[in-house]
Structure formats: structure tokens, C-alpha cells
Amino acid sequence: FIEKNYADPKLNVDILADHVGLSPSHIQSIFKTATGSTIS
């Protein structure tokens, strides 16, 4: 989703959370664990 939509300046954690159906804090946690990086 990030790769397809990075050009949208409004893309943020809330939009990603809505996209996958999880809370923003949960996707930030699993993203950081999986990639070693924050979403932002």
C-alpha cells in the first residue's frame, strides 16, 4: 500500500491502519518489529 500510494502527501499511519483494519498503534508496533523502522 505504501509503495502504491507514497505520492499522496496525506498518507499516514491512520490511513494505513484503516486499510488493514488494525489500530494505528498496533500496526506501528508490528511494522517496527518486522522492519526495524517506524512507518513514518
PDB file of all heavy atoms in Angstrom:
ATOM      1  N   PHE A   1       0.828  -1.206   0.000  1.00  0.00           N
ATOM      2  CA  PHE A   1       0.000   0.000   0.000  1.00  0.00           C
ATOM      3  C   PHE A   1       0.864   1.258   0.000  1.00  0.00           C
ATOM      4  O   PHE A   1       0.582   2.216  -0.723  1.00  0.00           O
ATOM      5  CB  PHE A   1      -0.943  -0.018   1.207  1.00  0.00           C
ATOM      6  CG  PHE A   1      -2.033   1.006   1.150  1.00  0.00           C
ATOM      7  CD1 PHE A   1      -3.186   0.766   0.430  1.00  0.00           C
ATOM      8  CD2 PHE A   1      -1.909   2.216   1.813  1.00  0.00           C
ATOM      9  CE1 PHE A   1      -4.203   1.712   0.370  1.00  0.00           C
ATOM     10  CE2 PHE A   1      -2.913   3.173   1.759  1.00  0.00           C
ATOM     11  CZ  PHE A   1      -4.067   2.919   1.035  1.00  0.00           C
ATOM     12  N   ILE A   2       1.928   1.249   0.795  1.00  0.00           N
ATOM     13  CA  ILE A   2       2.845   2.396   0.831  1.00  0.00           C
ATOM     14  C   ILE A   2       3.483   2.591  -0.545  1.00  0.00           C
ATOM     15  O   ILE A   2       3.550   3.714  -1.052  1.00  0.00           O
ATOM     16  CB  ILE A   2       3.916   2.215   1.921  1.00  0.00           C
ATOM     17  CG1 ILE A   2       3.312   2.354   3.316  1.00  0.00           C
ATOM     18  CG2 ILE A   2       5.056   3.227   1.731  1.00  0.00           C
ATOM     19  CD1 ILE A   2       4.261   1.999   4.450  1.00  0.00           C
ATOM     20  N   GLU A   3       3.939   1.516  -1.151  1.00  0.00           N
ATOM     21  CA  GLU A   3       4.598   1.606  -2.463  1.00  0.00           C
ATOM     22  C   GLU A   3       3.657   2.194  -3.521  1.00  0.00           C
ATOM     23  O   GLU A   3       4.066   2.994  -4.352  1.00  0.00           O
ATOM     24  CB  GLU A   3       5.083   0.220  -2.896  1.00  0.00           C
ATOM     25  CG  GLU A   3       5.890   0.209  -4.165  1.00  0.00           C
ATOM     26  CD  GLU A   3       7.241   0.893  -4.065  1.00  0.00           C
ATOM     27  OE1 GLU A   3       7.891   0.834  -3.011  1.00  0.00           O
ATOM     28  OE2 GLU A   3       7.662   1.518  -5.074  1.00  0.00           O
ATOM     29  N   LYS A   4       2.392   1.822  -3.463  1.00  0.00           N
ATOM     30  CA  LYS A   4       1.416   2.304  -4.440  1.00  0.00           C
ATOM     31  C   LYS A   4       0.952   3.735  -4.166  1.00  0.00           C
ATOM     32  O   LYS A   4       0.513   4.421  -5.080  1.00  0.00           O
ATOM     33  CB  LYS A   4       0.204   1.386  -4.477  1.00  0.00           C
ATOM     34  CG  LYS A   4       0.481   0.032  -5.061  1.00  0.00           C
ATOM     35  CD  LYS A   4      -0.743  -0.858  -4.983  1.00  0.00           C
ATOM     36  CE  LYS A   4      -0.392  -2.270  -5.392  1.00  0.00           C
ATOM     37  NZ  LYS A   4      -1.352  -3.256  -4.913  1.00  0.00           N
ATOM     38  N   ASN A   5       1.024   4.161  -2.902  1.00  0.00           N
ATOM     39  CA  ASN A   5       0.412   5.432  -2.515  1.00  0.00           C
ATOM     40  C   ASN A   5       1.366   6.445  -1.899  1.00  0.00           C
ATOM     41  O   ASN A   5       0.918   7.455  -1.351  1.00  0.00           O
ATOM     42  CB  ASN A   5      -0.731   5.161  -1.530  1.00  0.00           C
ATOM     43  CG  ASN A   5      -1.837   4.359  -2.161  1.00  0.00           C
ATOM     44  OD1 ASN A   5      -2.618   4.880  -2.942  1.00  0.00           O
ATOM     45  ND2 ASN A   5      -1.902   3.072  -1.853  1.00  0.00           N
ATOM     46  N   TYR A   6       2.686   6.204  -1.986  1.00  0.00           N
ATOM     47  CA  TYR A   6       3.648   7.107  -1.336  1.00  0.00           C
ATOM     48  C   TYR A   6       3.538   8.546  -1.841  1.00  0.00           C
ATOM     49  O   TYR A   6       3.889   9.482  -1.140  1.00  0.00           O
ATOM     50  CB  TYR A   6       5.086   6.595  -1.493  1.00  0.00           C
ATOM     51  CG  TYR A   6       5.626   6.761  -2.883  1.00  0.00           C
ATOM     52  CD1 TYR A   6       6.292   7.927  -3.259  1.00  0.00           C
ATOM     53  CD2 TYR A   6       5.464   5.771  -3.842  1.00  0.00           C
ATOM     54  CE1 TYR A   6       6.771   8.096  -4.544  1.00  0.00           C
ATOM     55  CE2 TYR A   6       5.948   5.932  -5.122  1.00  0.00           C
ATOM     56  CZ  TYR A   6       6.597   7.087  -5.469  1.00  0.00           C
ATOM     57  OH  TYR A   6       7.070   7.261  -6.750  1.00  0.00           O
ATOM     58  N   ALA A   7       3.063   8.728  -3.056  1.00  0.00           N
ATOM     59  CA  ALA A   7       2.984  10.073  -3.634  1.00  0.00           C
ATOM     60  C   ALA A   7       1.858  10.916  -3.030  1.00  0.00           C
ATOM     61  O   ALA A   7       1.815  12.125  -3.245  1.00  0.00           O
ATOM     62  CB  ALA A   7       2.813   9.988  -5.150  1.00  0.00           C
ATOM     63  N   ASP A   8       0.988  10.285  -2.257  1.00  0.00           N
ATOM     64  CA  ASP A   8      -0.096  11.014  -1.608  1.00  0.00           C
ATOM     65  C   ASP A   8       0.429  11.653  -0.325  1.00  0.00           C
ATOM     66  O   ASP A   8       0.781  10.945   0.618  1.00  0.00           O
ATOM     67  CB  ASP A   8      -1.236  10.053  -1.271  1.00  0.00           C
ATOM     68  CG  ASP A   8      -2.416  10.734  -0.598  1.00  0.00           C
ATOM     69  OD1 ASP A   8      -2.332  11.940  -0.269  1.00  0.00           O
ATOM     70  OD2 ASP A   8      -3.436  10.045  -0.391  1.00  0.00           O
ATOM     71  N   PRO A   9       0.491  12.990  -0.283  1.00  0.00           N
ATOM     72  CA  PRO A   9       1.037  13.637   0.919  1.00  0.00           C
ATOM     73  C   PRO A   9       0.195  13.393   2.169  1.00  0.00           C
ATOM     74  O   PRO A   9       0.674  13.584   3.284  1.00  0.00           O
ATOM     75  CB  PRO A   9       1.065  15.124   0.556  1.00  0.00           C
ATOM     76  CG  PRO A   9       0.158  15.274  -0.603  1.00  0.00           C
ATOM     77  CD  PRO A   9       0.087  13.948  -1.297  1.00  0.00           C
ATOM     78  N   LYS A  10      -1.033  12.929   2.007  1.00  0.00           N
ATOM     79  CA  LYS A  10      -1.896  12.664   3.161  1.00  0.00           C
ATOM     80  C   LYS A  10      -1.720  11.249   3.713  1.00  0.00           C
ATOM     81  O   LYS A  10      -2.302  10.920   4.745  1.00  0.00           O
ATOM     82  CB  LYS A  10      -3.355  12.899   2.781  1.00  0.00           C
ATOM     83  CG  LYS A  10      -3.645  14.345   2.468  1.00  0.00           C
ATOM     84  CD  LYS A  10      -5.076  14.556   2.063  1.00  0.00           C
ATOM     85  CE  LYS A  10      -5.289  16.023   1.706  1.00  0.00           C
ATOM     86  NZ  LYS A  10      -6.505  16.221   0.951  1.00  0.00           N
ATOM     87  N   LEU A  11      -0.935  10.424   3.041  1.00  0.00           N
ATOM     88  CA  LEU A  11      -0.716   9.059   3.517  1.00  0.00           C
ATOM     89  C   LEU A  11      -0.069   9.098   4.898  1.00  0.00           C
ATOM     90  O   LEU A  11       0.952   9.754   5.090  1.00  0.00           O
ATOM     91  CB  LEU A  11       0.177   8.286   2.542  1.00  0.00           C
ATOM     92  CG  LEU A  11       0.457   6.828   2.905  1.00  0.00           C
ATOM     93  CD1 LEU A  11      -0.835   6.022   2.979  1.00  0.00           C
ATOM     94  CD2 LEU A  11       1.415   6.212   1.899  1.00  0.00           C
ATOM     95  N   ASN A  12      -0.692   8.411   5.838  1.00  0.00           N
ATOM     96  CA  ASN A  12      -0.157   8.380   7.203  1.00  0.00           C
ATOM     97  C   ASN A  12      -0.563   7.076   7.887  1.00  0.00           C
ATOM     98  O   ASN A  12      -1.217   6.222   7.286  1.00  0.00           O
ATOM     99  CB  ASN A  12      -0.622   9.611   7.999  1.00  0.00           C
ATOM    100  CG  ASN A  12      -2.126   9.658   8.166  1.00  0.00           C
ATOM    101  OD1 ASN A  12      -2.809   8.642   8.151  1.00  0.00           O
ATOM    102  ND2 ASN A  12      -2.650  10.857   8.339  1.00  0.00           N
ATOM    103  N   VAL A  13      -0.167   6.942   9.129  1.00  0.00           N
ATOM    104  CA  VAL A  13      -0.431   5.722   9.893  1.00  0.00           C
ATOM    105  C   VAL A  13      -1.923   5.453  10.015  1.00  0.00           C
ATOM    106  O   VAL A  13      -2.358   4.290   9.921  1.00  0.00           O
ATOM    107  CB  VAL A  13       0.239   5.814  11.284  1.00  0.00           C
ATOM    108  CG1 VAL A  13      -0.158   4.642  12.150  1.00  0.00           C
ATOM    109  CG2 VAL A  13       1.744   5.890  11.152  1.00  0.00           C
ATOM    110  N   ASP A  14      -2.728   6.483  10.201  1.00  0.00           N
ATOM    111  CA  ASP A  14      -4.176   6.282  10.338  1.00  0.00           C
ATOM    112  C   ASP A  14      -4.780   5.682   9.068  1.00  0.00           C
ATOM    113  O   ASP A  14      -5.626   4.788   9.138  1.00  0.00           O
ATOM    114  CB  ASP A  14      -4.876   7.595  10.687  1.00  0.00           C
ATOM    115  CG  ASP A  14      -4.534   8.088  12.081  1.00  0.00           C
ATOM    116  OD1 ASP A  14      -4.220   7.251  12.951  1.00  0.00           O
ATOM    117  OD2 ASP A  14      -4.562   9.310  12.300  1.00  0.00           O
ATOM    118  N   ILE A  15      -4.343   6.162   7.920  1.00  0.00           N
ATOM    119  CA  ILE A  15      -4.849   5.630   6.649  1.00  0.00           C
ATOM    120  C   ILE A  15      -4.415   4.180   6.475  1.00  0.00           C
ATOM    121  O   ILE A  15      -5.195   3.327   6.057  1.00  0.00           O
ATOM    122  CB  ILE A  15      -4.370   6.513   5.471  1.00  0.00           C
ATOM    123  CG1 ILE A  15      -5.096   7.862   5.535  1.00  0.00           C
ATOM    124  CG2 ILE A  15      -4.596   5.820   4.128  1.00  0.00           C
ATOM    125  CD1 ILE A  15      -4.562   8.915   4.577  1.00  0.00           C
ATOM    126  N   LEU A  16      -3.162   3.891   6.819  1.00  0.00           N
ATOM    127  CA  LEU A  16      -2.678   2.513   6.732  1.00  0.00           C
ATOM    128  C   LEU A  16      -3.437   1.597   7.692  1.00  0.00           C
ATOM    129  O   LEU A  16      -3.771   0.465   7.333  1.00  0.00           O
ATOM    130  CB  LEU A  16      -1.179   2.465   7.030  1.00  0.00           C
ATOM    131  CG  LEU A  16      -0.288   3.090   5.965  1.00  0.00           C
ATOM    132  CD1 LEU A  16       1.121   3.279   6.507  1.00  0.00           C
ATOM    133  CD2 LEU A  16      -0.274   2.236   4.714  1.00  0.00           C
ATOM    134  N   ALA A  17      -3.703   2.085   8.887  1.00  0.00           N
ATOM    135  CA  ALA A  17      -4.448   1.292   9.872  1.00  0.00           C
ATOM    136  C   ALA A  17      -5.850   0.985   9.351  1.00  0.00           C
ATOM    137  O   ALA A  17      -6.325  -0.163   9.459  1.00  0.00           O
ATOM    138  CB  ALA A  17      -4.512   2.034  11.202  1.00  0.00           C
ATOM    139  N   ASP A  18      -6.514   1.984   8.781  1.00  0.00           N
ATOM    140  CA  ASP A  18      -7.836   1.752   8.193  1.00  0.00           C
ATOM    141  C   ASP A  18      -7.754   0.718   7.076  1.00  0.00           C
ATOM    142  O   ASP A  18      -8.622  -0.147   6.945  1.00  0.00           O
ATOM    143  CB  ASP A  18      -8.424   3.052   7.633  1.00  0.00           C
ATOM    144  CG  ASP A  18      -8.935   3.987   8.710  1.00  0.00           C
ATOM    145  OD1 ASP A  18      -9.098   3.541   9.871  1.00  0.00           O
ATOM    146  OD2 ASP A  18      -9.168   5.171   8.389  1.00  0.00           O
ATOM    147  N   HIS A  19      -6.706   0.808   6.273  1.00  0.00           N
ATOM    148  CA  HIS A  19      -6.546  -0.097   5.137  1.00  0.00           C
ATOM    149  C   HIS A  19      -6.455  -1.560   5.580  1.00  0.00           C
ATOM    150  O   HIS A  19      -7.063  -2.434   4.966  1.00  0.00           O
ATOM    151  CB  HIS A  19      -5.308   0.292   4.321  1.00  0.00           C
ATOM    152  CG  HIS A  19      -5.003  -0.658   3.214  1.00  0.00           C
ATOM    153  ND1 HIS A  19      -5.787  -0.762   2.083  1.00  0.00           N
ATOM    154  CD2 HIS A  19      -4.025  -1.588   3.080  1.00  0.00           C
ATOM    155  CE1 HIS A  19      -5.293  -1.695   1.294  1.00  0.00           C
ATOM    156  NE2 HIS A  19      -4.222  -2.213   1.880  1.00  0.00           N
ATOM    157  N   VAL A  20      -5.698  -1.821   6.641  1.00  0.00           N
ATOM    158  CA  VAL A  20      -5.524  -3.213   7.085  1.00  0.00           C
ATOM    159  C   VAL A  20      -6.477  -3.619   8.206  1.00  0.00           C
ATOM    160  O   VAL A  20      -6.504  -4.771   8.604  1.00  0.00           O
ATOM    161  CB  VAL A  20      -4.061  -3.517   7.496  1.00  0.00           C
ATOM    162  CG1 VAL A  20      -3.132  -3.391   6.310  1.00  0.00           C
ATOM    163  CG2 VAL A  20      -3.609  -2.641   8.650  1.00  0.00           C
ATOM    164  N   GLY A  21      -7.248  -2.671   8.734  1.00  0.00           N
ATOM    165  CA  GLY A  21      -8.235  -2.985   9.742  1.00  0.00           C
ATOM    166  C   GLY A  21      -7.680  -3.216  11.137  1.00  0.00           C
ATOM    167  O   GLY A  21      -8.249  -3.976  11.915  1.00  0.00           O
ATOM    168  N   LEU A  22      -6.563  -2.567  11.432  1.00  0.00           N
ATOM    169  CA  LEU A  22      -5.969  -2.651  12.761  1.00  0.00           C
ATOM    170  C   LEU A  22      -5.818  -1.244  13.330  1.00  0.00           C
ATOM    171  O   LEU A  22      -5.929  -0.266  12.599  1.00  0.00           O
ATOM    172  CB  LEU A  22      -4.589  -3.324  12.704  1.00  0.00           C
ATOM    173  CG  LEU A  22      -4.547  -4.766  12.214  1.00  0.00           C
ATOM    174  CD1 LEU A  22      -3.104  -5.216  12.040  1.00  0.00           C
ATOM    175  CD2 LEU A  22      -5.290  -5.690  13.168  1.00  0.00           C
ATOM    176  N   SER A  23      -5.526  -1.145  14.603  1.00  0.00           N
ATOM    177  CA  SER A  23      -5.330   0.168  15.209  1.00  0.00           C
ATOM    178  C   SER A  23      -3.984   0.746  14.781  1.00  0.00           C
ATOM    179  O   SER A  23      -3.041  -0.004  14.483  1.00  0.00           O
ATOM    180  CB  SER A  23      -5.375   0.073  16.734  1.00  0.00           C
ATOM    181  OG  SER A  23      -4.195  -0.547  17.218  1.00  0.00           O
ATOM    182  N   PRO A  24      -3.886   2.071  14.749  1.00  0.00           N
ATOM    183  CA  PRO A  24      -2.604   2.699  14.397  1.00  0.00           C
ATOM    184  C   PRO A  24      -1.457   2.240  15.292  1.00  0.00           C
ATOM    185  O   PRO A  24      -0.361   1.951  14.793  1.00  0.00           O
ATOM    186  CB  PRO A  24      -2.879   4.191  14.568  1.00  0.00           C
ATOM    187  CG  PRO A  24      -4.347   4.332  14.339  1.00  0.00           C
ATOM    188  CD  PRO A  24      -4.948   3.073  14.916  1.00  0.00           C
ATOM    189  N   SER A  25      -1.698   2.139  16.591  1.00  0.00           N
ATOM    190  CA  SER A  25      -0.603   1.738  17.485  1.00  0.00           C
ATOM    191  C   SER A  25      -0.183   0.291  17.220  1.00  0.00           C
ATOM    192  O   SER A  25       1.011  -0.034  17.287  1.00  0.00           O
ATOM    193  CB  SER A  25      -1.001   1.926  18.947  1.00  0.00           C
ATOM    194  OG  SER A  25      -2.113   1.133  19.267  1.00  0.00           O
ATOM    195  N   HIS A  26      -1.134  -0.564  16.886  1.00  0.00           N
ATOM    196  CA  HIS A  26      -0.793  -1.966  16.613  1.00  0.00           C
ATOM    197  C   HIS A  26       0.018  -2.104  15.332  1.00  0.00           C
ATOM    198  O   HIS A  26       1.014  -2.838  15.307  1.00  0.00           O
ATOM    199  CB  HIS A  26      -2.058  -2.826  16.553  1.00  0.00           C
ATOM    200  CG  HIS A  26      -1.777  -4.287  16.483  1.00  0.00           C
ATOM    201  ND1 HIS A  26      -1.207  -4.986  17.520  1.00  0.00           N
ATOM    202  CD2 HIS A  26      -1.959  -5.185  15.487  1.00  0.00           C
ATOM    203  CE1 HIS A  26      -1.050  -6.253  17.167  1.00  0.00           C
ATOM    204  NE2 HIS A  26      -1.505  -6.396  15.943  1.00  0.00           N
ATOM    205  N   ILE A  27      -0.382  -1.410  14.272  1.00  0.00           N
ATOM    206  CA  ILE A  27       0.403  -1.556  13.034  1.00  0.00           C
ATOM    207  C   ILE A  27       1.784  -0.925  13.193  1.00  0.00           C
ATOM    208  O   ILE A  27       2.743  -1.424  12.625  1.00  0.00           O
ATOM    209  CB  ILE A  27      -0.306  -1.025  11.769  1.00  0.00           C
ATOM    210  CG1 ILE A  27      -0.456   0.482  11.760  1.00  0.00           C
ATOM    211  CG2 ILE A  27      -1.613  -1.734  11.529  1.00  0.00           C
ATOM    212  CD1 ILE A  27      -0.736   1.054  10.392  1.00  0.00           C
ATOM    213  N   GLN A  28       1.883   0.135  13.977  1.00  0.00           N
ATOM    214  CA  GLN A  28       3.213   0.713  14.208  1.00  0.00           C
ATOM    215  C   GLN A  28       4.106  -0.286  14.939  1.00  0.00           C
ATOM    216  O   GLN A  28       5.291  -0.418  14.614  1.00  0.00           O
ATOM    217  CB  GLN A  28       3.108   2.019  14.992  1.00  0.00           C
ATOM    218  CG  GLN A  28       2.508   3.137  14.158  1.00  0.00           C
ATOM    219  CD  GLN A  28       2.451   4.445  14.891  1.00  0.00           C
ATOM    220  OE1 GLN A  28       3.409   5.194  14.846  1.00  0.00           O
ATOM    221  NE2 GLN A  28       1.349   4.707  15.585  1.00  0.00           N
ATOM    222  N   SER A  29       3.536  -0.983  15.898  1.00  0.00           N
ATOM    223  CA  SER A  29       4.300  -1.958  16.661  1.00  0.00           C
ATOM    224  C   SER A  29       4.758  -3.131  15.789  1.00  0.00           C
ATOM    225  O   SER A  29       5.940  -3.495  15.806  1.00  0.00           O
ATOM    226  CB  SER A  29       3.452  -2.468  17.828  1.00  0.00           C
ATOM    227  OG  SER A  29       4.120  -3.498  18.505  1.00  0.00           O
ATOM    228  N   ILE A  30       3.837  -3.713  15.017  1.00  0.00           N
ATOM    229  CA  ILE A  30       4.236  -4.869  14.206  1.00  0.00           C
ATOM    230  C   ILE A  30       5.153  -4.454  13.058  1.00  0.00           C
ATOM    231  O   ILE A  30       6.035  -5.207  12.665  1.00  0.00           O
ATOM    232  CB  ILE A  30       3.019  -5.691  13.700  1.00  0.00           C
ATOM    233  CG1 ILE A  30       2.131  -4.888  12.758  1.00  0.00           C
ATOM    234  CG2 ILE A  30       2.241  -6.275  14.860  1.00  0.00           C
ATOM    235  CD1 ILE A  30       1.030  -5.707  12.074  1.00  0.00           C
ATOM    236  N   PHE A  31       4.967  -3.245  12.538  1.00  0.00           N
ATOM    237  CA  PHE A  31       5.830  -2.760  11.462  1.00  0.00           C
ATOM    238  C   PHE A  31       7.255  -2.582  11.972  1.00  0.00           C
ATOM    239  O   PHE A  31       8.217  -3.004  11.331  1.00  0.00           O
ATOM    240  CB  PHE A  31       5.287  -1.439  10.896  1.00  0.00           C
ATOM    241  CG  PHE A  31       5.955  -1.013   9.623  1.00  0.00           C
ATOM    242  CD1 PHE A  31       5.476  -1.450   8.391  1.00  0.00           C
ATOM    243  CD2 PHE A  31       7.060  -0.172   9.626  1.00  0.00           C
ATOM    244  CE1 PHE A  31       6.080  -1.064   7.208  1.00  0.00           C
ATOM    245  CE2 PHE A  31       7.672   0.221   8.457  1.00  0.00           C
ATOM    246  CZ  PHE A  31       7.178  -0.229   7.236  1.00  0.00           C
ATOM    247  N   LYS A  32       7.393  -1.966  13.130  1.00  0.00           N
ATOM    248  CA  LYS A  32       8.719  -1.734  13.718  1.00  0.00           C
ATOM    249  C   LYS A  32       9.405  -3.063  14.028  1.00  0.00           C
ATOM    250  O   LYS A  32      10.600  -3.234  13.763  1.00  0.00           O
ATOM    251  CB  LYS A  32       8.595  -0.876  14.980  1.00  0.00           C
ATOM    252  CG  LYS A  32       9.887  -0.653  15.710  1.00  0.00           C
ATOM    253  CD  LYS A  32      10.461   0.673  15.400  1.00  0.00           C
ATOM    254  CE  LYS A  32      11.769   0.856  16.165  1.00  0.00           C
ATOM    255  NZ  LYS A  32      12.237   2.186  16.148  1.00  0.00           N
ATOM    256  N   THR A  33       8.659  -4.022  14.546  1.00  0.00           N
ATOM    257  CA  THR A  33       9.220  -5.339  14.844  1.00  0.00           C
ATOM    258  C   THR A  33       9.691  -6.030  13.565  1.00  0.00           C
ATOM    259  O   THR A  33      10.770  -6.615  13.529  1.00  0.00           O
ATOM    260  CB  THR A  33       8.180  -6.225  15.569  1.00  0.00           C
ATOM    261  OG1 THR A  33       7.815  -5.579  16.791  1.00  0.00           O
ATOM    262  CG2 THR A  33       8.724  -7.601  15.860  1.00  0.00           C
ATOM    263  N   ALA A  34       8.900  -5.941  12.511  1.00  0.00           N
ATOM    264  CA  ALA A  34       9.212  -6.645  11.260  1.00  0.00           C
ATOM    265  C   ALA A  34      10.305  -5.974  10.446  1.00  0.00           C
ATOM    266  O   ALA A  34      11.104  -6.649   9.795  1.00  0.00           O
ATOM    267  CB  ALA A  34       7.947  -6.778  10.417  1.00  0.00           C
ATOM    268  N   THR A  35      10.337  -4.631  10.470  1.00  0.00           N
ATOM    269  CA  THR A  35      11.257  -3.922   9.567  1.00  0.00           C
ATOM    270  C   THR A  35      12.395  -3.217  10.292  1.00  0.00           C
ATOM    271  O   THR A  35      13.371  -2.828   9.657  1.00  0.00           O
ATOM    272  CB  THR A  35      10.503  -2.863   8.736  1.00  0.00           C
ATOM    273  OG1 THR A  35      10.033  -1.830   9.619  1.00  0.00           O
ATOM    274  CG2 THR A  35       9.348  -3.475   7.953  1.00  0.00           C
ATOM    275  N   GLY A  36      12.244  -2.993  11.590  1.00  0.00           N
ATOM    276  CA  GLY A  36      13.244  -2.233  12.331  1.00  0.00           C
ATOM    277  C   GLY A  36      13.104  -0.738  12.141  1.00  0.00           C
ATOM    278  O   GLY A  36      13.939   0.037  12.600  1.00  0.00           O
ATOM    279  N   SER A  37      12.058  -0.323  11.462  1.00  0.00           N
ATOM    280  CA  SER A  37      11.840   1.087  11.148  1.00  0.00           C
ATOM    281  C   SER A  37      10.423   1.484  11.529  1.00  0.00           C
ATOM    282  O   SER A  37       9.514   0.657  11.504  1.00  0.00           O
ATOM    283  CB  SER A  37      12.048   1.307   9.648  1.00  0.00           C
ATOM    284  OG  SER A  37      11.718   2.620   9.256  1.00  0.00           O
ATOM    285  N   THR A  38      10.242   2.761  11.850  1.00  0.00           N
ATOM    286  CA  THR A  38       8.885   3.250  12.027  1.00  0.00           C
ATOM    287  C   THR A  38       8.250   3.426  10.654  1.00  0.00           C
ATOM    288  O   THR A  38       8.953   3.540   9.642  1.00  0.00           O
ATOM    289  CB  THR A  38       8.849   4.597  12.769  1.00  0.00           C
ATOM    290  OG1 THR A  38       9.511   5.578  11.953  1.00  0.00           O
ATOM    291  CG2 THR A  38       9.514   4.502  14.135  1.00  0.00           C
ATOM    292  N   ILE A  39       6.934   3.463  10.627  1.00  0.00           N
ATOM    293  CA  ILE A  39       6.240   3.661   9.357  1.00  0.00           C
ATOM    294  C   ILE A  39       6.593   5.020   8.767  1.00  0.00           C
ATOM    295  O   ILE A  39       6.881   5.131   7.572  1.00  0.00           O
ATOM    296  CB  ILE A  39       4.715   3.501   9.535  1.00  0.00           C
ATOM    297  CG1 ILE A  39       4.387   2.043   9.838  1.00  0.00           C
ATOM    298  CG2 ILE A  39       3.960   3.988   8.301  1.00  0.00           C
ATOM    299  CD1 ILE A  39       2.943   1.781  10.234  1.00  0.00           C
ATOM    300  N   SER A  40       6.594   6.055   9.586  1.00  0.00           N
ATOM    301  CA  SER A  40       6.886   7.393   9.052  1.00  0.00           C
ATOM    302  C   SER A  40       8.309   7.478   8.521  1.00  0.00           C
ATOM    303  O   SER A  40       8.557   8.095   7.475  1.00  0.00           O
ATOM    304  CB  SER A  40       6.611   8.474  10.098  1.00  0.00           C
ATOM    305  OG  SER A  40       7.397   8.266  11.243  1.00  0.00           O
TER     306      SER A  40
END
